[in-house]
Every structure is written in C-alpha cells, then in structure tokens.
N, C-alpha and C. Protein backbone atom coordinates (compact mmCIF):
# COMPACT_ATOMS: atom_id res chain seq x y z
N MET A 1 -9.21 -14.71 -20.66
CA MET A 1 -9.91 -14.73 -19.52
C MET A 1 -9.07 -15.21 -18.41
N GLY A 2 -9.48 -15.11 -17.03
CA GLY A 2 -8.78 -15.51 -15.85
C GLY A 2 -8.89 -16.91 -15.56
N ILE A 3 -8.47 -17.31 -14.40
CA ILE A 3 -8.16 -18.56 -14.02
C ILE A 3 -9.81 -19.21 -13.77
N GLU A 4 -10.13 -20.22 -14.64
CA GLU A 4 -11.35 -20.83 -14.41
C GLU A 4 -11.65 -21.49 -13.17
N ARG A 5 -12.92 -21.64 -12.86
CA ARG A 5 -13.42 -22.29 -11.41
C ARG A 5 -12.44 -23.66 -11.15
N ALA A 6 -12.46 -24.63 -12.31
CA ALA A 6 -12.23 -25.96 -11.89
C ALA A 6 -10.46 -26.00 -11.59
N GLN A 7 -9.82 -25.07 -12.42
CA GLN A 7 -8.51 -24.82 -12.40
C GLN A 7 -7.90 -24.16 -11.09
N LEU A 8 -9.03 -23.06 -10.67
CA LEU A 8 -8.65 -22.61 -9.48
C LEU A 8 -8.92 -23.44 -8.18
N GLN A 9 -9.78 -24.24 -8.14
CA GLN A 9 -9.85 -25.17 -7.17
C GLN A 9 -8.96 -26.26 -7.03
N ALA A 10 -8.45 -26.84 -8.34
CA ALA A 10 -7.44 -27.95 -8.21
C ALA A 10 -6.09 -27.40 -7.91
N SER A 11 -5.77 -26.05 -8.59
CA SER A 11 -4.58 -25.26 -7.84
C SER A 11 -4.34 -25.16 -6.46
N LEU A 12 -5.61 -24.77 -5.62
CA LEU A 12 -5.78 -24.70 -4.33
C LEU A 12 -5.83 -25.89 -3.60
N ASP A 13 -6.13 -26.87 -3.99
CA ASP A 13 -6.15 -28.24 -3.78
C ASP A 13 -4.48 -28.68 -3.44
N ALA A 14 -3.95 -28.58 -4.57
CA ALA A 14 -2.59 -28.75 -4.75
C ALA A 14 -1.67 -28.04 -3.54
N ILE A 15 -2.00 -26.91 -3.22
CA ILE A 15 -1.07 -26.03 -2.46
C ILE A 15 -1.66 -26.75 -1.09
N ALA A 16 -2.91 -26.63 -0.82
CA ALA A 16 -3.54 -27.34 0.30
C ALA A 16 -2.67 -28.66 0.98
N ALA A 17 -2.50 -29.34 -0.19
CA ALA A 17 -1.89 -30.88 0.10
C ALA A 17 -0.49 -30.60 0.54
N ILE A 18 0.19 -29.48 0.40
CA ILE A 18 1.72 -29.37 0.96
C ILE A 18 1.72 -28.25 2.16
N GLU A 19 0.68 -27.68 2.16
CA GLU A 19 0.47 -26.51 3.18
C GLU A 19 -0.62 -26.65 3.96
N PRO A 20 -0.39 -27.36 5.29
CA PRO A 20 -1.83 -27.39 5.96
C PRO A 20 -2.52 -26.03 6.43
N ARG A 21 -1.83 -25.04 6.64
CA ARG A 21 -2.34 -23.88 6.97
C ARG A 21 -3.12 -23.38 5.75
N VAL A 22 -2.77 -23.38 4.58
CA VAL A 22 -3.64 -23.27 3.54
C VAL A 22 -4.96 -23.89 3.32
N ALA A 23 -4.80 -25.24 3.73
CA ALA A 23 -6.01 -26.17 3.80
C ALA A 23 -6.89 -25.57 5.05
N ALA A 24 -6.25 -25.04 5.96
CA ALA A 24 -7.07 -24.82 7.20
C ALA A 24 -7.73 -23.50 6.81
N ALA A 25 -7.15 -22.45 5.78
CA ALA A 25 -7.92 -21.51 5.42
C ALA A 25 -8.93 -21.63 4.59
N LEU A 26 -8.76 -22.81 3.55
CA LEU A 26 -9.82 -23.31 2.84
C LEU A 26 -11.39 -23.51 3.47
N ALA A 27 -10.86 -24.32 4.73
CA ALA A 27 -11.87 -24.85 5.55
C ALA A 27 -12.63 -23.91 6.01
N ARG A 28 -11.99 -22.56 6.32
CA ARG A 28 -12.67 -21.55 7.06
C ARG A 28 -13.43 -20.64 6.10
N VAL A 29 -12.99 -20.34 4.87
CA VAL A 29 -13.52 -19.44 4.15
C VAL A 29 -14.09 -20.10 2.80
N GLY A 30 -13.78 -21.21 2.35
CA GLY A 30 -14.28 -21.95 1.33
C GLY A 30 -13.53 -21.40 0.07
N TYR A 31 -13.81 -21.90 -1.12
CA TYR A 31 -13.10 -21.59 -2.39
C TYR A 31 -13.42 -20.03 -2.65
N PRO A 32 -12.62 -19.52 -3.31
CA PRO A 32 -13.06 -18.14 -3.80
C PRO A 32 -13.51 -18.42 -5.17
N GLU A 33 -14.23 -17.24 -5.59
CA GLU A 33 -14.84 -17.16 -7.09
C GLU A 33 -13.76 -16.73 -7.94
N PRO A 34 -13.96 -17.36 -9.21
CA PRO A 34 -12.78 -16.89 -10.21
C PRO A 34 -13.02 -15.40 -10.53
N ARG A 35 -11.88 -14.76 -10.86
CA ARG A 35 -11.80 -13.43 -11.07
C ARG A 35 -11.35 -13.33 -12.76
N LEU A 36 -12.67 -13.12 -13.63
CA LEU A 36 -12.49 -13.16 -14.94
C LEU A 36 -12.62 -11.95 -15.72
N ARG A 37 -11.50 -11.43 -16.46
CA ARG A 37 -11.81 -10.29 -17.24
C ARG A 37 -11.26 -10.55 -18.66
N GLU A 38 -11.83 -9.71 -19.56
CA GLU A 38 -11.70 -9.90 -20.95
C GLU A 38 -10.03 -9.52 -21.05
N ARG A 39 -9.49 -10.46 -21.91
CA ARG A 39 -8.06 -9.92 -22.51
C ARG A 39 -7.93 -8.67 -23.53
N GLY A 40 -7.19 -7.72 -23.35
CA GLY A 40 -6.99 -6.72 -24.33
C GLY A 40 -7.03 -5.17 -23.86
N TYR A 41 -6.98 -4.40 -24.45
CA TYR A 41 -6.93 -2.98 -24.19
C TYR A 41 -8.05 -2.49 -23.12
N GLU A 42 -9.17 -2.83 -23.22
CA GLU A 42 -10.28 -2.02 -22.46
C GLU A 42 -10.02 -2.42 -21.01
N THR A 43 -9.65 -3.67 -20.85
CA THR A 43 -9.42 -4.27 -19.28
C THR A 43 -8.31 -3.45 -18.90
N LEU A 44 -7.15 -3.53 -19.64
CA LEU A 44 -6.00 -2.49 -19.02
C LEU A 44 -6.26 -1.14 -18.93
N LEU A 45 -7.10 -0.37 -19.81
CA LEU A 45 -7.31 0.95 -19.46
C LEU A 45 -7.98 0.95 -18.12
N ARG A 46 -9.16 0.14 -17.95
CA ARG A 46 -9.87 -0.09 -16.61
C ARG A 46 -9.06 0.00 -15.52
N THR A 47 -7.89 -1.00 -15.63
CA THR A 47 -6.99 -0.72 -14.61
C THR A 47 -6.37 0.62 -14.11
N ILE A 48 -5.90 1.23 -15.09
CA ILE A 48 -5.44 2.55 -15.08
C ILE A 48 -6.61 3.61 -14.56
N VAL A 49 -7.73 3.44 -14.82
CA VAL A 49 -8.91 4.17 -14.41
C VAL A 49 -9.03 4.01 -13.01
N GLY A 50 -8.73 2.69 -12.56
CA GLY A 50 -9.01 2.39 -11.28
C GLY A 50 -7.89 2.66 -10.18
N GLN A 51 -6.76 2.92 -10.86
CA GLN A 51 -5.62 3.15 -9.73
C GLN A 51 -5.78 4.14 -8.73
N GLN A 52 -5.64 3.76 -7.56
CA GLN A 52 -5.73 4.77 -6.27
C GLN A 52 -7.12 5.41 -6.23
N VAL A 53 -8.33 4.85 -6.59
CA VAL A 53 -9.49 5.19 -6.18
C VAL A 53 -10.26 4.08 -5.99
N SER A 54 -11.57 4.12 -5.13
CA SER A 54 -12.16 3.30 -4.80
C SER A 54 -12.96 2.76 -6.08
N VAL A 55 -13.41 1.54 -5.71
CA VAL A 55 -14.32 0.91 -6.87
C VAL A 55 -15.45 1.55 -7.53
N ALA A 56 -16.38 2.04 -6.34
CA ALA A 56 -17.45 3.11 -6.80
C ALA A 56 -16.81 4.29 -7.63
N ALA A 57 -15.77 4.99 -7.14
CA ALA A 57 -15.24 5.96 -7.99
C ALA A 57 -14.74 5.63 -9.20
N ALA A 58 -13.94 4.54 -9.53
CA ALA A 58 -13.63 4.07 -10.69
C ALA A 58 -15.01 3.80 -11.51
N THR A 59 -15.83 3.25 -11.12
CA THR A 59 -16.92 2.98 -11.81
C THR A 59 -17.49 4.19 -12.35
N SER A 60 -17.72 5.09 -11.63
CA SER A 60 -18.28 6.34 -11.98
C SER A 60 -17.51 7.10 -13.24
N ILE A 61 -16.08 7.21 -13.01
CA ILE A 61 -15.51 7.70 -13.84
C ILE A 61 -15.56 6.79 -15.52
N TRP A 62 -15.46 5.44 -15.26
CA TRP A 62 -15.83 4.75 -16.35
C TRP A 62 -16.97 4.93 -17.22
N ASN A 63 -18.05 5.01 -16.42
CA ASN A 63 -19.43 5.37 -17.04
C ASN A 63 -19.37 6.85 -17.71
N LYS A 64 -18.63 7.51 -17.14
CA LYS A 64 -18.70 9.16 -17.56
C LYS A 64 -17.78 9.02 -19.08
N LEU A 65 -16.89 8.30 -18.99
CA LEU A 65 -16.12 8.13 -20.23
C LEU A 65 -16.82 7.46 -21.23
N VAL A 66 -17.57 6.39 -20.87
CA VAL A 66 -18.43 5.78 -21.92
C VAL A 66 -19.35 6.75 -22.59
N ALA A 67 -20.02 7.43 -21.47
CA ALA A 67 -21.09 8.48 -21.83
C ALA A 67 -20.69 9.46 -22.83
N GLY A 68 -19.50 9.91 -22.51
CA GLY A 68 -18.77 11.00 -23.22
C GLY A 68 -18.27 10.70 -24.36
N LEU A 69 -17.60 9.62 -24.45
CA LEU A 69 -16.59 9.28 -25.51
C LEU A 69 -17.21 8.25 -26.50
N GLY A 70 -17.78 7.23 -25.78
CA GLY A 70 -18.48 5.99 -26.63
C GLY A 70 -17.72 4.82 -26.41
N ASP A 71 -17.43 4.34 -27.65
CA ASP A 71 -16.65 2.88 -27.78
C ASP A 71 -15.31 2.96 -27.05
N LEU A 72 -14.90 2.40 -26.04
CA LEU A 72 -13.58 2.42 -25.28
C LEU A 72 -12.92 1.08 -25.57
N THR A 73 -13.43 0.41 -26.44
CA THR A 73 -12.67 -0.81 -26.94
C THR A 73 -11.65 -0.54 -27.85
N ASP A 74 -12.02 0.66 -28.74
CA ASP A 74 -11.03 0.95 -29.58
C ASP A 74 -10.27 2.22 -29.04
N PRO A 75 -8.77 1.88 -29.13
CA PRO A 75 -7.94 2.86 -28.57
C PRO A 75 -7.84 4.40 -29.19
N GLU A 76 -8.23 4.23 -30.46
CA GLU A 76 -8.33 5.65 -31.10
C GLU A 76 -9.59 6.53 -30.50
N THR A 77 -10.59 5.86 -29.93
CA THR A 77 -11.52 6.72 -29.47
C THR A 77 -11.15 7.67 -28.24
N LEU A 78 -10.19 7.08 -27.49
CA LEU A 78 -9.45 7.99 -26.36
C LEU A 78 -8.36 8.88 -26.91
N ALA A 79 -7.62 8.45 -27.90
CA ALA A 79 -6.83 9.09 -28.53
C ALA A 79 -7.11 10.45 -29.30
N GLY A 80 -8.29 10.18 -29.61
CA GLY A 80 -8.99 11.59 -30.36
C GLY A 80 -9.69 12.61 -29.42
N ALA A 81 -9.98 12.17 -28.02
CA ALA A 81 -10.77 12.92 -27.15
C ALA A 81 -9.66 14.08 -26.63
N SER A 82 -10.20 14.99 -26.54
CA SER A 82 -9.75 16.13 -25.73
C SER A 82 -9.31 16.01 -24.32
N ASP A 83 -8.16 16.69 -23.77
CA ASP A 83 -8.00 16.33 -22.47
C ASP A 83 -9.17 17.12 -21.60
N ASP A 84 -9.84 18.27 -22.08
CA ASP A 84 -10.79 18.46 -21.14
C ASP A 84 -12.03 17.41 -20.94
N ALA A 85 -12.29 16.65 -22.27
CA ALA A 85 -13.34 15.57 -22.14
C ALA A 85 -12.98 14.66 -21.20
N LEU A 86 -11.64 14.15 -20.91
CA LEU A 86 -11.20 13.05 -20.18
C LEU A 86 -11.15 13.48 -18.91
N ARG A 87 -10.92 14.94 -18.53
CA ARG A 87 -10.85 15.60 -17.28
C ARG A 87 -12.39 15.65 -16.74
N ALA A 88 -13.12 15.97 -17.66
CA ALA A 88 -14.68 16.26 -17.34
C ALA A 88 -15.18 14.71 -16.73
N ALA A 89 -14.68 13.76 -17.19
CA ALA A 89 -15.15 12.58 -16.70
C ALA A 89 -14.56 12.09 -15.51
N GLY A 90 -13.49 12.78 -15.14
CA GLY A 90 -12.87 12.23 -13.73
C GLY A 90 -11.56 12.09 -13.88
N LEU A 91 -10.99 11.89 -14.82
CA LEU A 91 -9.59 11.59 -14.91
C LEU A 91 -8.49 12.57 -14.57
N SER A 92 -7.85 12.20 -13.70
CA SER A 92 -6.77 13.43 -13.29
C SER A 92 -5.80 13.71 -14.58
N ARG A 93 -4.91 14.83 -14.57
CA ARG A 93 -3.99 14.93 -15.37
C ARG A 93 -3.01 13.78 -15.55
N GLN A 94 -2.59 13.11 -14.53
CA GLN A 94 -1.63 12.24 -14.45
C GLN A 94 -2.35 10.86 -15.17
N LYS A 95 -3.43 10.73 -15.03
CA LYS A 95 -4.27 9.59 -15.51
C LYS A 95 -4.43 9.60 -16.81
N THR A 96 -4.66 10.87 -17.26
CA THR A 96 -4.89 11.44 -18.76
C THR A 96 -3.76 10.72 -19.41
N GLY A 97 -2.54 11.32 -19.13
CA GLY A 97 -1.37 11.06 -19.70
C GLY A 97 -1.11 9.50 -19.74
N TYR A 98 -1.47 8.77 -18.74
CA TYR A 98 -1.19 7.23 -18.78
C TYR A 98 -2.22 6.50 -19.84
N ALA A 99 -3.45 7.16 -19.73
CA ALA A 99 -4.30 6.47 -20.91
C ALA A 99 -4.11 6.87 -22.10
N ARG A 100 -3.61 7.84 -22.33
CA ARG A 100 -3.11 8.35 -23.79
C ARG A 100 -1.82 7.33 -23.95
N SER A 101 -0.95 7.20 -22.98
CA SER A 101 0.31 6.34 -23.37
C SER A 101 -0.30 5.05 -23.98
N LEU A 102 -1.03 4.32 -23.08
CA LEU A 102 -1.47 3.06 -23.28
C LEU A 102 -2.40 2.98 -24.79
N ALA A 103 -3.17 3.99 -24.96
CA ALA A 103 -4.01 4.03 -26.45
C ALA A 103 -2.84 4.19 -27.53
N ASP A 104 -1.92 5.05 -27.38
CA ASP A 104 -0.87 4.90 -28.24
C ASP A 104 0.06 3.81 -28.51
N ALA A 105 0.35 2.96 -27.39
CA ALA A 105 1.05 1.94 -27.40
C ALA A 105 0.36 0.90 -28.27
N VAL A 106 -0.87 0.68 -27.96
CA VAL A 106 -1.58 -0.16 -28.60
C VAL A 106 -2.09 0.06 -30.13
N SER A 107 -2.39 1.36 -30.39
CA SER A 107 -2.73 1.56 -31.60
C SER A 107 -1.76 1.54 -32.78
N SER A 108 -0.45 1.96 -32.11
CA SER A 108 0.54 1.87 -33.00
C SER A 108 1.30 0.55 -33.12
N GLY A 109 0.81 -0.28 -32.45
CA GLY A 109 1.16 -1.70 -32.53
C GLY A 109 2.67 -2.10 -31.96
N ARG A 110 2.88 -1.16 -30.95
CA ARG A 110 4.12 -1.39 -29.90
C ARG A 110 3.91 -2.46 -28.91
N LEU A 111 2.51 -2.19 -28.53
CA LEU A 111 2.16 -3.39 -27.64
C LEU A 111 1.03 -4.27 -28.05
N ASP A 112 1.13 -5.47 -28.45
CA ASP A 112 -0.06 -6.26 -28.83
C ASP A 112 -0.38 -7.09 -27.49
N LEU A 113 -1.63 -6.80 -27.19
CA LEU A 113 -2.01 -7.61 -25.96
C LEU A 113 -2.57 -8.92 -26.31
N MET A 114 -2.89 -9.33 -27.58
CA MET A 114 -3.09 -10.71 -27.84
C MET A 114 -1.87 -11.53 -28.21
N ALA A 115 -0.68 -10.90 -28.09
CA ALA A 115 0.49 -11.55 -28.32
C ALA A 115 1.51 -11.54 -27.28
N LEU A 116 1.42 -11.40 -26.34
CA LEU A 116 2.36 -11.03 -25.08
C LEU A 116 2.95 -12.35 -25.25
N PRO A 117 4.37 -12.08 -24.47
CA PRO A 117 5.42 -13.21 -24.36
C PRO A 117 4.92 -14.27 -23.41
N ALA A 118 4.91 -15.64 -23.77
CA ALA A 118 4.50 -16.62 -22.87
C ALA A 118 5.19 -16.51 -21.40
N ASP A 119 6.40 -16.26 -21.23
CA ASP A 119 7.13 -15.91 -20.15
C ASP A 119 6.57 -14.82 -19.32
N ASP A 120 6.20 -15.07 -18.04
CA ASP A 120 5.50 -14.11 -17.13
C ASP A 120 6.24 -13.01 -17.05
N GLU A 121 7.79 -13.09 -16.69
CA GLU A 121 8.49 -11.85 -16.36
C GLU A 121 8.94 -11.15 -17.73
N ALA A 122 8.88 -11.58 -18.80
CA ALA A 122 9.08 -10.98 -20.06
C ALA A 122 7.64 -10.32 -20.40
N ALA A 123 6.72 -10.87 -20.14
CA ALA A 123 5.20 -10.21 -20.55
C ALA A 123 5.01 -8.95 -19.66
N ILE A 124 5.50 -9.17 -18.02
CA ILE A 124 5.61 -7.96 -17.31
C ILE A 124 6.30 -7.05 -17.69
N ALA A 125 7.60 -7.26 -18.33
CA ALA A 125 8.47 -6.07 -18.69
C ALA A 125 7.87 -5.28 -19.89
N GLN A 126 7.29 -6.14 -20.73
CA GLN A 126 6.39 -5.33 -21.84
C GLN A 126 5.36 -4.50 -21.37
N LEU A 127 4.44 -4.97 -20.48
CA LEU A 127 3.54 -4.00 -19.93
C LEU A 127 4.13 -2.83 -19.22
N VAL A 128 5.22 -3.09 -18.53
CA VAL A 128 5.46 -1.94 -17.76
C VAL A 128 6.31 -0.95 -18.47
N GLU A 129 6.53 -1.16 -19.94
CA GLU A 129 6.87 -0.14 -20.61
C GLU A 129 6.04 1.10 -20.91
N VAL A 130 4.88 0.68 -20.59
CA VAL A 130 3.73 1.82 -20.86
C VAL A 130 3.68 2.56 -19.70
N LYS A 131 3.52 3.97 -19.91
CA LYS A 131 3.66 4.95 -18.82
C LYS A 131 2.38 4.64 -17.99
N GLY A 132 2.64 4.66 -16.72
CA GLY A 132 1.53 4.30 -15.90
C GLY A 132 1.08 2.95 -15.39
N ILE A 133 1.67 2.15 -16.06
CA ILE A 133 1.52 0.57 -15.87
C ILE A 133 2.67 0.17 -14.86
N GLY A 134 2.67 -0.15 -13.81
CA GLY A 134 3.61 -0.62 -13.00
C GLY A 134 3.63 -2.19 -12.75
N ARG A 135 4.43 -2.79 -12.01
CA ARG A 135 4.50 -4.03 -11.97
C ARG A 135 2.91 -4.84 -11.25
N TRP A 136 2.79 -4.18 -10.43
CA TRP A 136 1.25 -4.64 -9.71
C TRP A 136 0.11 -4.65 -10.88
N SER A 137 0.00 -3.48 -11.56
CA SER A 137 -1.03 -3.57 -12.44
C SER A 137 -0.70 -4.53 -13.76
N ALA A 138 0.57 -4.80 -14.16
CA ALA A 138 0.91 -5.88 -15.18
C ALA A 138 0.35 -7.16 -14.41
N GLU A 139 0.83 -7.39 -13.15
CA GLU A 139 0.39 -8.84 -12.61
C GLU A 139 -1.02 -9.08 -12.61
N ILE A 140 -1.78 -8.01 -12.27
CA ILE A 140 -3.19 -8.20 -12.24
C ILE A 140 -3.69 -8.36 -13.56
N TYR A 141 -3.42 -7.74 -14.37
CA TYR A 141 -3.78 -7.88 -15.63
C TYR A 141 -3.64 -9.26 -16.27
N LEU A 142 -2.39 -9.80 -15.96
CA LEU A 142 -1.95 -11.18 -16.34
C LEU A 142 -2.76 -12.21 -15.82
N LEU A 143 -3.23 -12.04 -14.24
CA LEU A 143 -3.74 -12.83 -13.66
C LEU A 143 -5.32 -12.93 -14.06
N PHE A 144 -5.89 -11.79 -14.15
CA PHE A 144 -7.28 -11.93 -14.29
C PHE A 144 -7.61 -12.00 -15.73
N ALA A 145 -6.94 -11.39 -16.54
CA ALA A 145 -7.35 -11.36 -18.24
C ALA A 145 -6.71 -12.44 -18.81
N GLU A 146 -5.46 -12.91 -18.48
CA GLU A 146 -4.97 -13.99 -19.30
C GLU A 146 -4.93 -15.22 -18.40
N GLY A 147 -5.24 -15.46 -17.39
CA GLY A 147 -5.43 -16.55 -16.53
C GLY A 147 -4.23 -17.01 -16.00
N ARG A 148 -2.94 -16.47 -16.03
CA ARG A 148 -1.65 -17.03 -16.05
C ARG A 148 -1.71 -17.60 -14.54
N PRO A 149 -1.43 -18.79 -14.38
CA PRO A 149 -1.64 -19.64 -13.11
C PRO A 149 -0.53 -19.22 -12.16
N ASP A 150 0.81 -18.59 -12.32
CA ASP A 150 1.68 -18.64 -11.49
C ASP A 150 2.00 -17.15 -11.16
N ILE A 151 0.95 -16.27 -11.69
CA ILE A 151 1.41 -14.87 -11.23
C ILE A 151 1.16 -14.70 -9.66
N TRP A 152 2.15 -13.92 -9.14
CA TRP A 152 2.27 -13.99 -7.75
C TRP A 152 2.49 -12.34 -7.34
N PRO A 153 1.56 -11.54 -7.16
CA PRO A 153 1.37 -10.04 -6.82
C PRO A 153 2.14 -10.04 -5.25
N ALA A 154 3.28 -10.00 -5.05
CA ALA A 154 3.88 -10.16 -3.84
C ALA A 154 3.80 -8.69 -3.40
N GLY A 155 3.79 -7.71 -3.99
CA GLY A 155 3.88 -6.55 -3.47
C GLY A 155 2.39 -5.87 -3.12
N ASP A 156 1.41 -6.83 -3.12
CA ASP A 156 0.10 -6.37 -2.99
C ASP A 156 -0.07 -6.22 -1.40
N LEU A 157 -0.82 -5.19 -0.82
CA LEU A 157 -0.88 -5.19 0.56
C LEU A 157 -1.87 -6.33 1.06
N ALA A 158 -3.08 -6.57 0.68
CA ALA A 158 -3.94 -7.32 0.86
C ALA A 158 -3.42 -8.83 1.10
N VAL A 159 -2.60 -8.96 -0.25
CA VAL A 159 -1.90 -10.41 -0.19
C VAL A 159 -1.12 -10.58 0.97
N GLN A 160 -0.22 -9.42 1.29
CA GLN A 160 0.58 -9.77 2.28
C GLN A 160 0.01 -9.81 3.82
N ILE A 161 -1.10 -9.05 3.86
CA ILE A 161 -1.73 -9.16 5.11
C ILE A 161 -2.53 -10.30 5.38
N GLU A 162 -3.01 -11.14 4.35
CA GLU A 162 -3.70 -12.35 4.57
C GLU A 162 -2.86 -13.58 4.56
N LEU A 163 -1.68 -13.38 3.64
CA LEU A 163 -0.62 -14.55 3.80
C LEU A 163 -0.10 -14.75 5.14
N GLY A 164 0.21 -13.63 5.74
CA GLY A 164 0.53 -13.48 7.36
C GLY A 164 -0.34 -13.95 8.07
N ARG A 165 -1.78 -13.88 8.18
CA ARG A 165 -2.86 -14.29 8.93
C ARG A 165 -2.79 -15.86 8.51
N ILE A 166 -2.89 -16.31 7.18
CA ILE A 166 -3.11 -17.62 6.78
C ILE A 166 -2.00 -18.42 7.57
N MET A 167 -0.64 -17.78 7.54
CA MET A 167 0.64 -18.50 7.79
C MET A 167 0.84 -18.44 9.49
N GLY A 168 0.04 -17.57 10.11
CA GLY A 168 0.12 -17.30 11.48
C GLY A 168 1.29 -16.49 11.85
N LEU A 169 1.65 -15.77 10.99
CA LEU A 169 2.75 -14.88 11.37
C LEU A 169 2.46 -13.59 12.32
N ALA A 170 3.52 -13.15 13.04
CA ALA A 170 3.18 -12.37 14.13
C ALA A 170 3.01 -10.87 13.36
N GLU A 171 3.77 -10.72 12.26
CA GLU A 171 3.66 -9.60 11.76
C GLU A 171 3.49 -9.52 10.17
N ARG A 172 3.00 -8.66 9.50
CA ARG A 172 2.81 -8.80 7.96
C ARG A 172 4.09 -8.96 7.26
N PRO A 173 4.28 -9.97 6.36
CA PRO A 173 5.55 -10.29 5.54
C PRO A 173 5.62 -8.82 4.64
N GLY A 174 6.93 -8.73 4.44
CA GLY A 174 7.03 -7.73 3.46
C GLY A 174 7.13 -8.42 2.00
N GLU A 175 7.51 -7.64 0.95
CA GLU A 175 7.45 -8.52 -0.45
C GLU A 175 8.32 -9.75 -0.56
N LYS A 176 9.74 -9.51 -0.04
CA LYS A 176 10.59 -10.42 -0.19
C LYS A 176 10.13 -11.79 0.69
N GLN A 177 9.62 -11.66 1.73
CA GLN A 177 9.06 -12.73 2.68
C GLN A 177 7.96 -13.22 1.77
N THR A 178 7.06 -12.53 1.42
CA THR A 178 5.85 -13.09 0.67
C THR A 178 6.41 -13.89 -0.75
N ARG A 179 7.31 -13.44 -1.45
CA ARG A 179 7.71 -14.08 -2.36
C ARG A 179 8.28 -15.77 -1.85
N ALA A 180 9.11 -15.34 -0.81
CA ALA A 180 9.72 -16.56 -0.35
C ALA A 180 8.90 -17.79 0.09
N ILE A 181 7.85 -17.36 0.90
CA ILE A 181 7.02 -18.29 1.51
C ILE A 181 6.01 -19.07 0.24
N ALA A 182 5.90 -18.41 -0.75
CA ALA A 182 5.07 -19.04 -1.64
C ALA A 182 5.86 -19.66 -2.78
N GLU A 183 7.15 -19.75 -2.75
CA GLU A 183 8.23 -20.60 -3.51
C GLU A 183 7.69 -21.85 -3.88
N ASN A 184 7.35 -22.34 -2.65
CA ASN A 184 7.08 -23.98 -2.90
C ASN A 184 5.74 -24.19 -3.42
N TRP A 185 5.03 -23.20 -3.94
CA TRP A 185 3.59 -23.18 -4.35
C TRP A 185 3.56 -23.17 -5.74
N ARG A 186 4.75 -23.06 -6.68
CA ARG A 186 4.63 -22.91 -7.96
C ARG A 186 4.10 -24.24 -8.44
N PRO A 187 3.47 -24.35 -9.44
CA PRO A 187 2.93 -23.16 -10.43
C PRO A 187 1.58 -22.83 -10.15
N HIS A 188 1.31 -22.71 -9.03
CA HIS A 188 -0.25 -22.31 -8.55
C HIS A 188 -0.33 -21.09 -7.70
N ARG A 189 0.70 -20.40 -7.79
CA ARG A 189 0.78 -19.00 -7.04
C ARG A 189 -0.45 -18.14 -7.21
N GLY A 190 -0.98 -17.80 -8.48
CA GLY A 190 -2.01 -17.31 -8.93
C GLY A 190 -3.38 -17.44 -8.18
N ALA A 191 -3.33 -18.98 -8.08
CA ALA A 191 -4.66 -19.14 -7.01
C ALA A 191 -4.68 -18.70 -5.52
N ALA A 192 -3.12 -18.85 -5.26
CA ALA A 192 -3.10 -18.51 -3.71
C ALA A 192 -3.31 -16.85 -3.72
N ALA A 193 -2.88 -16.33 -4.64
CA ALA A 193 -3.24 -14.68 -4.53
C ALA A 193 -4.99 -14.50 -4.43
N ILE A 194 -5.36 -15.31 -5.22
CA ILE A 194 -7.12 -15.13 -5.27
C ILE A 194 -7.52 -15.47 -4.06
N LEU A 195 -7.01 -16.74 -3.41
CA LEU A 195 -7.40 -16.84 -2.12
C LEU A 195 -7.34 -15.88 -0.87
N ALA A 196 -5.84 -15.26 -1.10
CA ALA A 196 -5.76 -14.18 -0.18
C ALA A 196 -6.74 -12.82 -0.19
N TRP A 197 -7.24 -12.76 -1.34
CA TRP A 197 -8.04 -11.83 -1.49
C TRP A 197 -9.52 -12.17 -1.02
N HIS A 198 -9.67 -13.52 -1.16
CA HIS A 198 -11.04 -13.75 -0.71
C HIS A 198 -10.92 -13.93 0.99
N HIS A 199 -9.96 -14.23 1.45
CA HIS A 199 -9.57 -14.49 2.76
C HIS A 199 -9.62 -12.99 3.49
N TYR A 200 -9.15 -12.13 2.63
CA TYR A 200 -9.22 -10.61 3.28
C TYR A 200 -10.61 -10.14 3.36
N LYS A 201 -11.42 -10.47 2.38
CA LYS A 201 -12.91 -10.22 2.44
C LYS A 201 -13.59 -10.68 3.59
N ALA A 202 -13.32 -12.03 3.79
CA ALA A 202 -13.89 -12.84 4.91
C ALA A 202 -13.63 -12.28 6.26
N ASP A 203 -12.30 -11.85 6.45
CA ASP A 203 -11.79 -11.12 7.60
C ASP A 203 -12.63 -9.91 7.78
N MET A 204 -12.54 -8.85 6.66
CA MET A 204 -13.15 -7.75 6.85
C MET A 204 -14.92 -7.70 7.32
N ALA A 205 -15.31 -9.08 6.61
CA ALA A 205 -16.93 -9.33 6.76
C ALA A 205 -17.03 -9.57 8.24
N VAL A 206 -16.15 -10.30 9.10
CA VAL A 206 -16.15 -10.69 10.47
C VAL A 206 -16.12 -9.42 11.39
N VAL A 207 -15.04 -8.33 10.82
CA VAL A 207 -14.74 -7.06 11.52
C VAL A 207 -16.27 -6.22 11.56
C-alpha cells in the first residue's frame, strides 16, 4: 500500500521545517489525502491501461476488460484472451502488447512484484524491463502501491509545474532542476510529490 496518512503528514512536516515555501503551501491547501493502491500485478496493469488517456476513459476500458475477461488479478486471464477481445474493450494494439508483456513477465516469474529490490533505483530498473513500463509508471507504482517514501517522479509535468509555483520560480523547472530542488528533502520526496499533485488540483479548482 502507499504512504499512510500519519507518515505522509510527518514527512511533509519534516520538509516544511527546512523549506518555508513548502510550509506556506501546506498552509494554503492543507495536507493531501494518501494515495493508496494494492501491491501487485493488477495495479501495474491498471497503470498500463491508464497511460495517455483520461481517468474516465481508463475506467471505461478497465470495466469492459473485467466484463469481458473476468478476474484480472490473475495474469493468465489476460494471457489467454484474444487480441480481438482486448481491442473490443478499448485497448490499442500497442497497449495490448504492453499488457501481454506484463502478464508474461509476472506469470513466468521473471518479475516478482512481491519481492522487488529494496533499493529504489534497482526496483525501477526491474520494472522498466517490462515493455510499456517506463520510469514514470515504475515510480508511480512504487510510490502508490509500495509506499516507498523517497520516490521523486521529477519527470512528471504536474510535479514540475507545482514545484515551480510552490518555490516561486518564474518558469517551470525541467527534470534536472526538479531533482536538484528536492535533493535536500530526502528521504521524504514521495510526500512532496503527493503534495505537488494536491497543490495542482487546488490551483485548477481556483481557475
């Protein structure tokens, strides 16, 4: 599961103690809600389904997959489905390939989602070996499903936008600058990412 509420708030308090602009952001928008997902194959499959589509579209595709195939917690379910069945649910040809790659990696035992390396970079390296899982997807999985406290998805556009706003920058920082700004926030950077997304939603609500 992801970072629990008490840990999330404690981590943000720790960052706020060393960065007044984060403290000010917390005062403006409050603590974010935890983002909790189940660890394992189904959550990573959902990540693939949700890539580059809206939340509503991803939910619709997922519901069609469940209705058409049944139990998606078992990789053998998807492995045994026809391409036509997957495309009928809304998966593109590319995503069908990605989903099959993940199902094969898990069912063959090449990827054990219950025993990923403790080192974050080593875990990311294992996940991105699966076709269709890039660094961002791996980071999101480790943050939300495993609750790793120092995952920092510096390539995420919303994280960059809100970090720039929180820190009072004139322009959105790039990935390299986003990593550099948060370096002193170790080992709490996962909480900072969750705050950034929360701050982004608050900004959008004002607009």
